[in-house]
Amino acid sequence: MMLPVTDVDRAQQFYAETLGLDFTGRNDEGSAMFVLGGGTTLVLLPRPDSHPAESTAMSFEVEDVTSEISALEGRGVTFEDYDLPDVKTVDHVCEFGDERAAWFKDPDGHVLCLHQGVT
């Protein structure tokens, strides 16, 4: 997974310290790299002129969305709230049938999602 960022140092700090992802180093281009679940690698590409996508850039599956929201808010993350025809959040969480989701932005404005399957 590659994500363009305007400031690699700032993004690296957010993804490592705020989100708690495992930083594995930088490549020759200066991209910060992180290990994600399932053997996937997140590469934060230095792109000073980049702009965030309008939709969700990345989603993280978690066991308990509510507890993850609490933990991330404690580290300074602000969650998005929506009141749209297809997406309405209550306490930052949207229910989609058998799934719960919440959204927040990284320092570059990329929309990130936490989601949890409900059984």
PDB file of N, CA and C in Angstrom:
ATOM      1  N   MET A   1       0.855  -1.169   0.000  1.00  0.00           N
ATOM      2  CA  MET A   1       0.000   0.000   0.000  1.00  0.00           C
ATOM      3  C   MET A   1       0.899   1.230   0.000  1.00  0.00           C
ATOM      4  N   MET A   2       0.704   2.101  -0.971  1.00  0.00           N
ATOM      5  CA  MET A   2       1.492   3.333  -1.046  1.00  0.00           C
ATOM      6  C   MET A   2       0.600   4.534  -0.829  1.00  0.00           C
ATOM      7  N   LEU A   3       1.084   5.461  -0.022  1.00  0.00           N
ATOM      8  CA  LEU A   3       0.324   6.649   0.309  1.00  0.00           C
ATOM      9  C   LEU A   3       1.239   7.864   0.183  1.00  0.00           C
ATOM     10  N   PRO A   4       0.904   8.831  -0.686  1.00  0.00           N
ATOM     11  CA  PRO A   4       1.749  10.019  -0.816  1.00  0.00           C
ATOM     12  C   PRO A   4       1.552  10.949   0.384  1.00  0.00           C
ATOM     13  N   VAL A   5       2.656  11.498   0.883  1.00  0.00           N
ATOM     14  CA  VAL A   5       2.593  12.432   2.010  1.00  0.00           C
ATOM     15  C   VAL A   5       3.471  13.646   1.709  1.00  0.00           C
ATOM     16  N   THR A   6       3.085  14.779   2.249  1.00  0.00           N
ATOM     17  CA  THR A   6       3.844  16.009   1.995  1.00  0.00           C
ATOM     18  C   THR A   6       5.065  16.129   2.900  1.00  0.00           C
ATOM     19  N   ASP A   7       5.011  15.524   4.088  1.00  0.00           N
ATOM     20  CA  ASP A   7       6.108  15.606   5.051  1.00  0.00           C
ATOM     21  C   ASP A   7       6.299  14.211   5.656  1.00  0.00           C
ATOM     22  N   VAL A   8       7.315  13.501   5.192  1.00  0.00           N
ATOM     23  CA  VAL A   8       7.530  12.113   5.627  1.00  0.00           C
ATOM     24  C   VAL A   8       7.807  12.024   7.123  1.00  0.00           C
ATOM     25  N   ASP A   9       8.588  12.944   7.666  1.00  0.00           N
ATOM     26  CA  ASP A   9       8.897  12.901   9.106  1.00  0.00           C
ATOM     27  C   ASP A   9       7.623  13.020   9.945  1.00  0.00           C
ATOM     28  N   ARG A  10       6.777  13.981   9.589  1.00  0.00           N
ATOM     29  CA  ARG A  10       5.517  14.183  10.326  1.00  0.00           C
ATOM     30  C   ARG A  10       4.610  12.958  10.186  1.00  0.00           C
ATOM     31  N   ALA A  11       4.501  12.434   8.968  1.00  0.00           N
ATOM     32  CA  ALA A  11       3.657  11.262   8.728  1.00  0.00           C
ATOM     33  C   ALA A  11       4.202  10.039   9.457  1.00  0.00           C
ATOM     34  N   GLN A  12       5.520   9.867   9.421  1.00  0.00           N
ATOM     35  CA  GLN A  12       6.140   8.735  10.114  1.00  0.00           C
ATOM     36  C   GLN A  12       5.826   8.798  11.605  1.00  0.00           C
ATOM     37  N   GLN A  13       5.941   9.961  12.192  1.00  0.00           N
ATOM     38  CA  GLN A  13       5.648  10.113  13.614  1.00  0.00           C
ATOM     39  C   GLN A  13       4.186   9.765  13.900  1.00  0.00           C
ATOM     40  N   PHE A  14       3.264  10.231  13.069  1.00  0.00           N
ATOM     41  CA  PHE A  14       1.843   9.940  13.268  1.00  0.00           C
ATOM     42  C   PHE A  14       1.564   8.441  13.183  1.00  0.00           C
ATOM     43  N   TYR A  15       2.046   7.813  12.110  1.00  0.00           N
ATOM     44  CA  TYR A  15       1.751   6.393  11.908  1.00  0.00           C
ATOM     45  C   TYR A  15       2.441   5.507  12.943  1.00  0.00           C
ATOM     46  N   ALA A  16       3.630   5.889  13.384  1.00  0.00           N
ATOM     47  CA  ALA A  16       4.355   5.082  14.372  1.00  0.00           C
ATOM     48  C   ALA A  16       3.868   5.367  15.794  1.00  0.00           C
ATOM     49  N   GLU A  17       3.881   6.631  16.184  1.00  0.00           N
ATOM     50  CA  GLU A  17       3.595   6.973  17.574  1.00  0.00           C
ATOM     51  C   GLU A  17       2.104   7.063  17.882  1.00  0.00           C
ATOM     52  N   THR A  18       1.344   7.686  17.009  1.00  0.00           N
ATOM     53  CA  THR A  18      -0.087   7.856  17.280  1.00  0.00           C
ATOM     54  C   THR A  18      -0.868   6.579  16.976  1.00  0.00           C
ATOM     55  N   LEU A  19      -0.605   5.984  15.792  1.00  0.00           N
ATOM     56  CA  LEU A  19      -1.347   4.772  15.424  1.00  0.00           C
ATOM     57  C   LEU A  19      -0.689   3.495  15.935  1.00  0.00           C
ATOM     58  N   GLY A  20       0.597   3.560  16.255  1.00  0.00           N
ATOM     59  CA  GLY A  20       1.273   2.382  16.798  1.00  0.00           C
ATOM     60  C   GLY A  20       1.686   1.351  15.766  1.00  0.00           C
ATOM     61  N   LEU A  21       1.840   1.758  14.501  1.00  0.00           N
ATOM     62  CA  LEU A  21       2.279   0.818  13.477  1.00  0.00           C
ATOM     63  C   LEU A  21       3.778   0.568  13.607  1.00  0.00           C
ATOM     64  N   ASP A  22       4.223  -0.605  13.170  1.00  0.00           N
ATOM     65  CA  ASP A  22       5.626  -0.993  13.270  1.00  0.00           C
ATOM     66  C   ASP A  22       6.434  -0.394  12.125  1.00  0.00           C
ATOM     67  N   PHE A  23       7.265   0.598  12.446  1.00  0.00           N
ATOM     68  CA  PHE A  23       8.140   1.249  11.477  1.00  0.00           C
ATOM     69  C   PHE A  23       9.316   0.317  11.187  1.00  0.00           C
ATOM     70  N   THR A  24       9.602   0.087   9.895  1.00  0.00           N
ATOM     71  CA  THR A  24      10.683  -0.831   9.535  1.00  0.00           C
ATOM     72  C   THR A  24      11.874  -0.128   8.901  1.00  0.00           C
ATOM     73  N   GLY A  25      11.774   1.188   8.658  1.00  0.00           N
ATOM     74  CA  GLY A  25      12.895   1.921   8.094  1.00  0.00           C
ATOM     75  C   GLY A  25      12.482   2.746   6.892  1.00  0.00           C
ATOM     76  N   ARG A  26      13.485   3.303   6.256  1.00  0.00           N
ATOM     77  CA  ARG A  26      13.263   4.122   5.060  1.00  0.00           C
ATOM     78  C   ARG A  26      13.996   3.508   3.885  1.00  0.00           C
ATOM     79  N   ASN A  27      13.433   3.687   2.697  1.00  0.00           N
ATOM     80  CA  ASN A  27      14.105   3.200   1.497  1.00  0.00           C
ATOM     81  C   ASN A  27      14.980   4.315   0.913  1.00  0.00           C
ATOM     82  N   ASP A  28      15.608   4.043  -0.221  1.00  0.00           N
ATOM     83  CA  ASP A  28      16.525   5.012  -0.835  1.00  0.00           C
ATOM     84  C   ASP A  28      15.836   6.311  -1.241  1.00  0.00           C
ATOM     85  N   GLU A  29      14.549   6.244  -1.511  1.00  0.00           N
ATOM     86  CA  GLU A  29      13.784   7.433  -1.914  1.00  0.00           C
ATOM     87  C   GLU A  29      13.411   8.291  -0.704  1.00  0.00           C
ATOM     88  N   GLY A  30      13.561   7.735   0.501  1.00  0.00           N
ATOM     89  CA  GLY A  30      13.180   8.453   1.707  1.00  0.00           C
ATOM     90  C   GLY A  30      11.788   8.124   2.184  1.00  0.00           C
ATOM     91  N   SER A  31      11.160   7.118   1.569  1.00  0.00           N
ATOM     92  CA  SER A  31       9.832   6.684   1.996  1.00  0.00           C
ATOM     93  C   SER A  31       9.921   5.962   3.329  1.00  0.00           C
ATOM     94  N   ALA A  32       8.989   6.257   4.212  1.00  0.00           N
ATOM     95  CA  ALA A  32       8.897   5.547   5.491  1.00  0.00           C
ATOM     96  C   ALA A  32       8.072   4.291   5.267  1.00  0.00           C
ATOM     97  N   MET A  33       8.527   3.169   5.838  1.00  0.00           N
ATOM     98  CA  MET A  33       7.851   1.890   5.614  1.00  0.00           C
ATOM     99  C   MET A  33       7.388   1.284   6.936  1.00  0.00           C
ATOM    100  N   PHE A  34       6.204   0.681   6.885  1.00  0.00           N
ATOM    101  CA  PHE A  34       5.584   0.076   8.062  1.00  0.00           C
ATOM    102  C   PHE A  34       5.036  -1.298   7.697  1.00  0.00           C
ATOM    103  N   VAL A  35       5.066  -2.209   8.664  1.00  0.00           N
ATOM    104  CA  VAL A  35       4.486  -3.534   8.485  1.00  0.00           C
ATOM    105  C   VAL A  35       3.013  -3.460   8.886  1.00  0.00           C
ATOM    106  N   LEU A  36       2.152  -3.980   8.015  1.00  0.00           N
ATOM    107  CA  LEU A  36       0.724  -4.081   8.320  1.00  0.00           C
ATOM    108  C   LEU A  36       0.357  -5.557   8.424  1.00  0.00           C
ATOM    109  N   GLY A  37      -0.847  -5.841   8.864  1.00  0.00           N
ATOM    110  CA  GLY A  37      -1.311  -7.216   8.976  1.00  0.00           C
ATOM    111  C   GLY A  37      -1.300  -7.938   7.634  1.00  0.00           C
ATOM    112  N   GLY A  38      -1.147  -9.248   7.700  1.00  0.00           N
ATOM    113  CA  GLY A  38      -1.186 -10.061   6.493  1.00  0.00           C
ATOM    114  C   GLY A  38       0.049  -9.927   5.616  1.00  0.00           C
ATOM    115  N   GLY A  39       1.134  -9.380   6.169  1.00  0.00           N
ATOM    116  CA  GLY A  39       2.361  -9.253   5.399  1.00  0.00           C
ATOM    117  C   GLY A  39       2.395  -8.064   4.452  1.00  0.00           C
ATOM    118  N   THR A  40       1.424  -7.185   4.559  1.00  0.00           N
ATOM    119  CA  THR A  40       1.368  -5.991   3.717  1.00  0.00           C
ATOM    120  C   THR A  40       2.301  -4.922   4.267  1.00  0.00           C
ATOM    121  N   THR A  41       2.852  -4.119   3.373  1.00  0.00           N
ATOM    122  CA  THR A  41       3.721  -3.014   3.772  1.00  0.00           C
ATOM    123  C   THR A  41       3.053  -1.699   3.395  1.00  0.00           C
ATOM    124  N   LEU A  42       3.078  -0.749   4.319  1.00  0.00           N
ATOM    125  CA  LEU A  42       2.639   0.614   4.038  1.00  0.00           C
ATOM    126  C   LEU A  42       3.881   1.430   3.723  1.00  0.00           C
ATOM    127  N   VAL A  43       3.867   2.112   2.583  1.00  0.00           N
ATOM    128  CA  VAL A  43       4.979   2.958   2.170  1.00  0.00           C
ATOM    129  C   VAL A  43       4.463   4.384   2.078  1.00  0.00           C
ATOM    130  N   LEU A  44       5.030   5.278   2.886  1.00  0.00           N
ATOM    131  CA  LEU A  44       4.658   6.692   2.854  1.00  0.00           C
ATOM    132  C   LEU A  44       5.617   7.406   1.908  1.00  0.00           C
ATOM    133  N   LEU A  45       5.110   7.726   0.730  1.00  0.00           N
ATOM    134  CA  LEU A  45       5.925   8.304  -0.335  1.00  0.00           C
ATOM    135  C   LEU A  45       6.089   9.807  -0.170  1.00  0.00           C
ATOM    136  N   PRO A  46       7.322  10.321  -0.216  1.00  0.00           N
ATOM    137  CA  PRO A  46       7.508  11.771  -0.131  1.00  0.00           C
ATOM    138  C   PRO A  46       7.045  12.444  -1.421  1.00  0.00           C
ATOM    139  N   ARG A  47       5.928  13.168  -1.325  1.00  0.00           N
ATOM    140  CA  ARG A  47       5.365  13.880  -2.466  1.00  0.00           C
ATOM    141  C   ARG A  47       4.888  15.250  -1.974  1.00  0.00           C
ATOM    142  N   PRO A  48       5.786  16.248  -1.932  1.00  0.00           N
ATOM    143  CA  PRO A  48       5.461  17.555  -1.359  1.00  0.00           C
ATOM    144  C   PRO A  48       4.232  18.237  -1.965  1.00  0.00           C
ATOM    145  N   ASP A  49       3.891  17.930  -3.202  1.00  0.00           N
ATOM    146  CA  ASP A  49       2.751  18.573  -3.857  1.00  0.00           C
ATOM    147  C   ASP A  49       1.505  17.699  -3.885  1.00  0.00           C
ATOM    148  N   SER A  50       1.487  16.605  -3.125  1.00  0.00           N
ATOM    149  CA  SER A  50       0.348  15.682  -3.188  1.00  0.00           C
ATOM    150  C   SER A  50      -0.869  16.247  -2.454  1.00  0.00           C
ATOM    151  N   HIS A  51      -2.019  15.722  -2.830  1.00  0.00           N
ATOM    152  CA  HIS A  51      -3.294  16.088  -2.207  1.00  0.00           C
ATOM    153  C   HIS A  51      -4.001  14.801  -1.785  1.00  0.00           C
ATOM    154  N   PRO A  52      -4.730  14.821  -0.679  1.00  0.00           N
ATOM    155  CA  PRO A  52      -5.407  13.604  -0.225  1.00  0.00           C
ATOM    156  C   PRO A  52      -6.553  13.212  -1.151  1.00  0.00           C
ATOM    157  N   ALA A  53      -6.819  11.915  -1.201  1.00  0.00           N
ATOM    158  CA  ALA A  53      -7.974  11.414  -1.950  1.00  0.00           C
ATOM    159  C   ALA A  53      -9.247  11.853  -1.236  1.00  0.00           C
ATOM    160  N   GLU A  54     -10.335  11.941  -1.980  1.00  0.00           N
ATOM    161  CA  GLU A  54     -11.607  12.371  -1.383  1.00  0.00           C
ATOM    162  C   GLU A  54     -12.302  11.243  -0.628  1.00  0.00           C
ATOM    163  N   SER A  55     -11.926  10.010  -0.905  1.00  0.00           N
ATOM    164  CA  SER A  55     -12.563   8.878  -0.228  1.00  0.00           C
ATOM    165  C   SER A  55     -11.562   8.218   0.719  1.00  0.00           C
ATOM    166  N   THR A  56     -11.981   7.170   1.369  1.00  0.00           N
ATOM    167  CA  THR A  56     -11.138   6.478   2.338  1.00  0.00           C
ATOM    168  C   THR A  56      -9.889   5.929   1.660  1.00  0.00           C
ATOM    169  N   ALA A  57      -8.732   6.285   2.204  1.00  0.00           N
ATOM    170  CA  ALA A  57      -7.459   5.852   1.639  1.00  0.00           C
ATOM    171  C   ALA A  57      -7.047   4.478   2.163  1.00  0.00           C
ATOM    172  N   MET A  58      -7.400   4.187   3.416  1.00  0.00           N
ATOM    173  CA  MET A  58      -6.972   2.941   4.023  1.00  0.00           C
ATOM    174  C   MET A  58      -7.909   2.607   5.177  1.00  0.00           C
ATOM    175  N   SER A  59      -8.124   1.310   5.389  1.00  0.00           N
ATOM    176  CA  SER A  59      -8.996   0.864   6.461  1.00  0.00           C
ATOM    177  C   SER A  59      -8.286  -0.182   7.309  1.00  0.00           C
ATOM    178  N   PHE A  60      -8.476  -0.087   8.620  1.00  0.00           N
ATOM    179  CA  PHE A  60      -7.869  -1.025   9.555  1.00  0.00           C
ATOM    180  C   PHE A  60      -8.970  -1.835  10.237  1.00  0.00           C
ATOM    181  N   GLU A  61      -8.883  -3.152  10.156  1.00  0.00           N
ATOM    182  CA  GLU A  61      -9.844  -3.993  10.856  1.00  0.00           C
ATOM    183  C   GLU A  61      -9.400  -4.116  12.311  1.00  0.00           C
ATOM    184  N   VAL A  62     -10.323  -3.846  13.228  1.00  0.00           N
ATOM    185  CA  VAL A  62     -10.047  -3.912  14.657  1.00  0.00           C
ATOM    186  C   VAL A  62     -11.090  -4.788  15.332  1.00  0.00           C
ATOM    187  N   GLU A  63     -10.789  -5.210  16.542  1.00  0.00           N
ATOM    188  CA  GLU A  63     -11.738  -6.060  17.265  1.00  0.00           C
ATOM    189  C   GLU A  63     -12.853  -5.264  17.926  1.00  0.00           C
ATOM    190  N   ASP A  64     -12.544  -4.035  18.354  1.00  0.00           N
ATOM    191  CA  ASP A  64     -13.529  -3.221  19.061  1.00  0.00           C
ATOM    192  C   ASP A  64     -13.343  -1.756  18.660  1.00  0.00           C
ATOM    193  N   VAL A  65     -14.188  -1.282  17.756  1.00  0.00           N
ATOM    194  CA  VAL A  65     -14.083   0.088  17.247  1.00  0.00           C
ATOM    195  C   VAL A  65     -14.171   1.107  18.383  1.00  0.00           C
ATOM    196  N   THR A  66     -15.084   0.907  19.302  1.00  0.00           N
ATOM    197  CA  THR A  66     -15.289   1.867  20.384  1.00  0.00           C
ATOM    198  C   THR A  66     -14.042   2.026  21.248  1.00  0.00           C
ATOM    199  N   SER A  67     -13.402   0.925  21.610  1.00  0.00           N
ATOM    200  CA  SER A  67     -12.205   1.033  22.450  1.00  0.00           C
ATOM    201  C   SER A  67     -11.038   1.634  21.659  1.00  0.00           C
ATOM    202  N   GLU A  68     -10.948   1.344  20.358  1.00  0.00           N
ATOM    203  CA  GLU A  68      -9.895   1.944  19.530  1.00  0.00           C
ATOM    204  C   GLU A  68     -10.110   3.453  19.396  1.00  0.00           C
ATOM    205  N   ILE A  69     -11.360   3.876  19.271  1.00  0.00           N
ATOM    206  CA  ILE A  69     -11.657   5.316  19.212  1.00  0.00           C
ATOM    207  C   ILE A  69     -11.165   5.982  20.485  1.00  0.00           C
ATOM    208  N   SER A  70     -11.491   5.394  21.626  1.00  0.00           N
ATOM    209  CA  SER A  70     -11.060   5.954  22.920  1.00  0.00           C
ATOM    210  C   SER A  70      -9.547   6.056  22.999  1.00  0.00           C
ATOM    211  N   ALA A  71      -8.864   4.993  22.613  1.00  0.00           N
ATOM    212  CA  ALA A  71      -7.400   4.982  22.690  1.00  0.00           C
ATOM    213  C   ALA A  71      -6.799   6.039  21.767  1.00  0.00           C
ATOM    214  N   LEU A  72      -7.305   6.138  20.548  1.00  0.00           N
ATOM    215  CA  LEU A  72      -6.756   7.106  19.598  1.00  0.00           C
ATOM    216  C   LEU A  72      -7.101   8.544  19.980  1.00  0.00           C
ATOM    217  N   GLU A  73      -8.304   8.764  20.502  1.00  0.00           N
ATOM    218  CA  GLU A  73      -8.644  10.111  20.974  1.00  0.00           C
ATOM    219  C   GLU A  73      -7.696  10.523  22.099  1.00  0.00           C
ATOM    220  N   GLY A  74      -7.298   9.567  22.931  1.00  0.00           N
ATOM    221  CA  GLY A  74      -6.354   9.843  24.000  1.00  0.00           C
ATOM    222  C   GLY A  74      -4.978  10.230  23.480  1.00  0.00           C
ATOM    223  N   ARG A  75      -4.711   9.892  22.225  1.00  0.00           N
ATOM    224  CA  ARG A  75      -3.438  10.255  21.588  1.00  0.00           C
ATOM    225  C   ARG A  75      -3.604  11.429  20.632  1.00  0.00           C
ATOM    226  N   GLY A  76      -4.748  12.114  20.718  1.00  0.00           N
ATOM    227  CA  GLY A  76      -4.941  13.334  19.948  1.00  0.00           C
ATOM    228  C   GLY A  76      -5.647  13.197  18.614  1.00  0.00           C
ATOM    229  N   VAL A  77      -6.138  12.014  18.273  1.00  0.00           N
ATOM    230  CA  VAL A  77      -6.839  11.821  16.999  1.00  0.00           C
ATOM    231  C   VAL A  77      -8.260  12.365  17.123  1.00  0.00           C
ATOM    232  N   THR A  78      -8.691  13.091  16.099  1.00  0.00           N
ATOM    233  CA  THR A  78     -10.053  13.613  16.035  1.00  0.00           C
ATOM    234  C   THR A  78     -10.834  12.798  15.010  1.00  0.00           C
ATOM    235  N   PHE A  79     -11.962  12.265  15.414  1.00  0.00           N
ATOM    236  CA  PHE A  79     -12.776  11.450  14.519  1.00  0.00           C
ATOM    237  C   PHE A  79     -13.797  12.302  13.782  1.00  0.00           C
ATOM    238  N   GLU A  80     -14.098  11.870  12.581  1.00  0.00           N
ATOM    239  CA  GLU A  80     -15.064  12.550  11.728  1.00  0.00           C
ATOM    240  C   GLU A  80     -16.472  12.083  12.092  1.00  0.00           C
ATOM    241  N   ASP A  81     -17.439  12.969  11.961  1.00  0.00           N
ATOM    242  CA  ASP A  81     -18.841  12.602  12.133  1.00  0.00           C
ATOM    243  C   ASP A  81     -19.590  12.955  10.863  1.00  0.00           C
ATOM    244  N   TYR A  82     -20.521  12.086  10.474  1.00  0.00           N
ATOM    245  CA  TYR A  82     -21.263  12.260   9.230  1.00  0.00           C
ATOM    246  C   TYR A  82     -22.756  12.151   9.488  1.00  0.00           C
ATOM    247  N   ASP A  83     -23.510  12.929   8.733  1.00  0.00           N
ATOM    248  CA  ASP A  83     -24.968  12.842   8.750  1.00  0.00           C
ATOM    249  C   ASP A  83     -25.432  12.946   7.301  1.00  0.00           C
ATOM    250  N   LEU A  84     -25.214  11.860   6.569  1.00  0.00           N
ATOM    251  CA  LEU A  84     -25.543  11.775   5.147  1.00  0.00           C
ATOM    252  C   LEU A  84     -26.628  10.717   4.954  1.00  0.00           C
ATOM    253  N   PRO A  85     -27.271  10.693   3.796  1.00  0.00           N
ATOM    254  CA  PRO A  85     -28.306   9.675   3.582  1.00  0.00           C
ATOM    255  C   PRO A  85     -27.811   8.237   3.797  1.00  0.00           C
ATOM    256  N   ASP A  86     -26.589   7.916   3.370  1.00  0.00           N
ATOM    257  CA  ASP A  86     -26.083   6.547   3.488  1.00  0.00           C
ATOM    258  C   ASP A  86     -25.129   6.334   4.658  1.00  0.00           C
ATOM    259  N   VAL A  87     -24.654   7.413   5.259  1.00  0.00           N
ATOM    260  CA  VAL A  87     -23.669   7.308   6.340  1.00  0.00           C
ATOM    261  C   VAL A  87     -24.039   8.282   7.450  1.00  0.00           C
ATOM    262  N   LYS A  88     -24.398   7.711   8.602  1.00  0.00           N
ATOM    263  CA  LYS A  88     -24.702   8.541   9.774  1.00  0.00           C
ATOM    264  C   LYS A  88     -23.951   7.953  10.955  1.00  0.00           C
ATOM    265  N   THR A  89     -23.161   8.805  11.607  1.00  0.00           N
ATOM    266  CA  THR A  89     -22.409   8.338  12.768  1.00  0.00           C
ATOM    267  C   THR A  89     -23.104   8.754  14.059  1.00  0.00           C
ATOM    268  N   VAL A  90     -22.978   7.900  15.053  1.00  0.00           N
ATOM    269  CA  VAL A  90     -23.417   8.183  16.411  1.00  0.00           C
ATOM    270  C   VAL A  90     -22.213   7.885  17.293  1.00  0.00           C
ATOM    271  N   ASP A  91     -21.752   8.875  18.040  1.00  0.00           N
ATOM    272  CA  ASP A  91     -20.517   8.745  18.824  1.00  0.00           C
ATOM    273  C   ASP A  91     -19.365   8.289  17.933  1.00  0.00           C
ATOM    274  N   HIS A  92     -19.291   8.855  16.734  1.00  0.00           N
ATOM    275  CA  HIS A  92     -18.258   8.623  15.728  1.00  0.00           C
ATOM    276  C   HIS A  92     -18.397   7.293  14.988  1.00  0.00           C
ATOM    277  N   VAL A  93     -19.387   6.470  15.319  1.00  0.00           N
ATOM    278  CA  VAL A  93     -19.494   5.127  14.740  1.00  0.00           C
ATOM    279  C   VAL A  93     -20.716   5.035  13.827  1.00  0.00           C
ATOM    280  N   CYS A  94     -20.498   4.422  12.663  1.00  0.00           N
ATOM    281  CA  CYS A  94     -21.581   4.154  11.726  1.00  0.00           C
ATOM    282  C   CYS A  94     -21.829   2.649  11.689  1.00  0.00           C
ATOM    283  N   GLU A  95     -23.080   2.259  11.734  1.00  0.00           N
ATOM    284  CA  GLU A  95     -23.457   0.842  11.661  1.00  0.00           C
ATOM    285  C   GLU A  95     -23.896   0.530  10.234  1.00  0.00           C
ATOM    286  N   PHE A  96     -23.266  -0.495   9.629  1.00  0.00           N
ATOM    287  CA  PHE A  96     -23.620  -0.969   8.286  1.00  0.00           C
ATOM    288  C   PHE A  96     -23.985  -2.440   8.396  1.00  0.00           C
ATOM    289  N   GLY A  97     -25.209  -2.756   8.726  1.00  0.00           N
ATOM    290  CA  GLY A  97     -25.586  -4.163   8.842  1.00  0.00           C
ATOM    291  C   GLY A  97     -24.728  -4.884   9.868  1.00  0.00           C
ATOM    292  N   ASP A  98     -23.808  -5.735   9.394  1.00  0.00           N
ATOM    293  CA  ASP A  98     -22.959  -6.500  10.313  1.00  0.00           C
ATOM    294  C   ASP A  98     -21.567  -5.887  10.475  1.00  0.00           C
ATOM    295  N   GLU A  99     -21.453  -4.595  10.224  1.00  0.00           N
ATOM    296  CA  GLU A  99     -20.161  -3.924  10.353  1.00  0.00           C
ATOM    297  C   GLU A  99     -20.333  -2.566  11.037  1.00  0.00           C
ATOM    298  N   ARG A 100     -19.312  -2.191  11.809  1.00  0.00           N
ATOM    299  CA  ARG A 100     -19.247  -0.879  12.451  1.00  0.00           C
ATOM    300  C   ARG A 100     -17.988  -0.200  11.937  1.00  0.00           C
ATOM    301  N   ALA A 101     -18.054   1.115  11.703  1.00  0.00           N
ATOM    302  CA  ALA A 101     -16.894   1.825  11.173  1.00  0.00           C
ATOM    303  C   ALA A 101     -16.815   3.231  11.745  1.00  0.00           C
ATOM    304  N   ALA A 102     -15.585   3.763  11.774  1.00  0.00           N
ATOM    305  CA  ALA A 102     -15.327   5.132  12.218  1.00  0.00           C
ATOM    306  C   ALA A 102     -14.181   5.674  11.373  1.00  0.00           C
ATOM    307  N   TRP A 103     -14.170   6.991  11.124  1.00  0.00           N
ATOM    308  CA  TRP A 103     -13.185   7.595  10.238  1.00  0.00           C
ATOM    309  C   TRP A 103     -12.448   8.741  10.921  1.00  0.00           C
ATOM    310  N   PHE A 104     -11.191   8.909  10.544  1.00  0.00           N
ATOM    311  CA  PHE A 104     -10.369  10.016  11.006  1.00  0.00           C
ATOM    312  C   PHE A 104      -9.369  10.342   9.904  1.00  0.00           C
ATOM    313  N   LYS A 105      -8.650  11.449  10.069  1.00  0.00           N
ATOM    314  CA  LYS A 105      -7.695  11.866   9.042  1.00  0.00           C
ATOM    315  C   LYS A 105      -6.276  11.860   9.591  1.00  0.00           C
ATOM    316  N   ASP A 106      -5.335  11.558   8.691  1.00  0.00           N
ATOM    317  CA  ASP A 106      -3.924  11.658   9.056  1.00  0.00           C
ATOM    318  C   ASP A 106      -3.474  13.104   8.859  1.00  0.00           C
ATOM    319  N   PRO A 107      -2.234  13.447   9.184  1.00  0.00           N
ATOM    320  CA  PRO A 107      -1.790  14.844   9.060  1.00  0.00           C
ATOM    321  C   PRO A 107      -1.859  15.414   7.638  1.00  0.00           C
ATOM    322  N   ASP A 108      -1.897  14.550   6.619  1.00  0.00           N
ATOM    323  CA  ASP A 108      -2.010  15.021   5.239  1.00  0.00           C
ATOM    324  C   ASP A 108      -3.460  15.111   4.771  1.00  0.00           C
ATOM    325  N   GLY A 109      -4.399  14.760   5.632  1.00  0.00           N
ATOM    326  CA  GLY A 109      -5.804  14.828   5.270  1.00  0.00           C
ATOM    327  C   GLY A 109      -6.351  13.563   4.634  1.00  0.00           C
ATOM    328  N   HIS A 110      -5.545  12.486   4.587  1.00  0.00           N
ATOM    329  CA  HIS A 110      -6.037  11.202   4.077  1.00  0.00           C
ATOM    330  C   HIS A 110      -7.060  10.648   5.061  1.00  0.00           C
ATOM    331  N   VAL A 111      -8.193  10.200   4.546  1.00  0.00           N
ATOM    332  CA  VAL A 111      -9.224   9.621   5.402  1.00  0.00           C
ATOM    333  C   VAL A 111      -8.867   8.163   5.676  1.00  0.00           C
ATOM    334  N   LEU A 112      -8.784   7.829   6.961  1.00  0.00           N
ATOM    335  CA  LEU A 112      -8.501   6.472   7.398  1.00  0.00           C
ATOM    336  C   LEU A 112      -9.718   5.941   8.148  1.00  0.00           C
ATOM    337  N   CYS A 113      -9.909   4.642   8.087  1.00  0.00           N
ATOM    338  CA  CYS A 113     -11.102   4.028   8.669  1.00  0.00           C
ATOM    339  C   CYS A 113     -10.723   2.912   9.632  1.00  0.00           C
ATOM    340  N   LEU A 114     -11.457   2.818  10.713  1.00  0.00           N
ATOM    341  CA  LEU A 114     -11.419   1.648  11.584  1.00  0.00           C
ATOM    342  C   LEU A 114     -12.712   0.900  11.317  1.00  0.00           C
ATOM    343  N   HIS A 115     -12.651  -0.399  11.132  1.00  0.00           N
ATOM    344  CA  HIS A 115     -13.891  -1.159  10.969  1.00  0.00           C
ATOM    345  C   HIS A 115     -13.850  -2.457  11.765  1.00  0.00           C
ATOM    346  N   GLN A 116     -15.038  -2.890  12.142  1.00  0.00           N
ATOM    347  CA  GLN A 116     -15.185  -4.069  12.984  1.00  0.00           C
ATOM    348  C   GLN A 116     -16.379  -4.869  12.475  1.00  0.00           C
ATOM    349  N   GLY A 117     -16.171  -6.162  12.300  1.00  0.00           N
ATOM    350  CA  GLY A 117     -17.303  -7.030  11.964  1.00  0.00           C
ATOM    351  C   GLY A 117     -18.109  -7.320  13.214  1.00  0.00           C
ATOM    352  N   VAL A 118     -19.415  -7.313  13.082  1.00  0.00           N
ATOM    353  CA  VAL A 118     -20.305  -7.577  14.204  1.00  0.00           C
ATOM    354  C   VAL A 118     -21.008  -8.899  13.930  1.00  0.00           C
ATOM    355  N   THR A 119     -20.925  -9.793  14.893  1.00  0.00           N
ATOM    356  CA  THR A 119     -21.578 -11.106  14.714  1.00  0.00           C
ATOM    357  C   THR A 119     -22.690 -11.312  15.667  1.00  0.00           C
TER     358      THR A 119
END
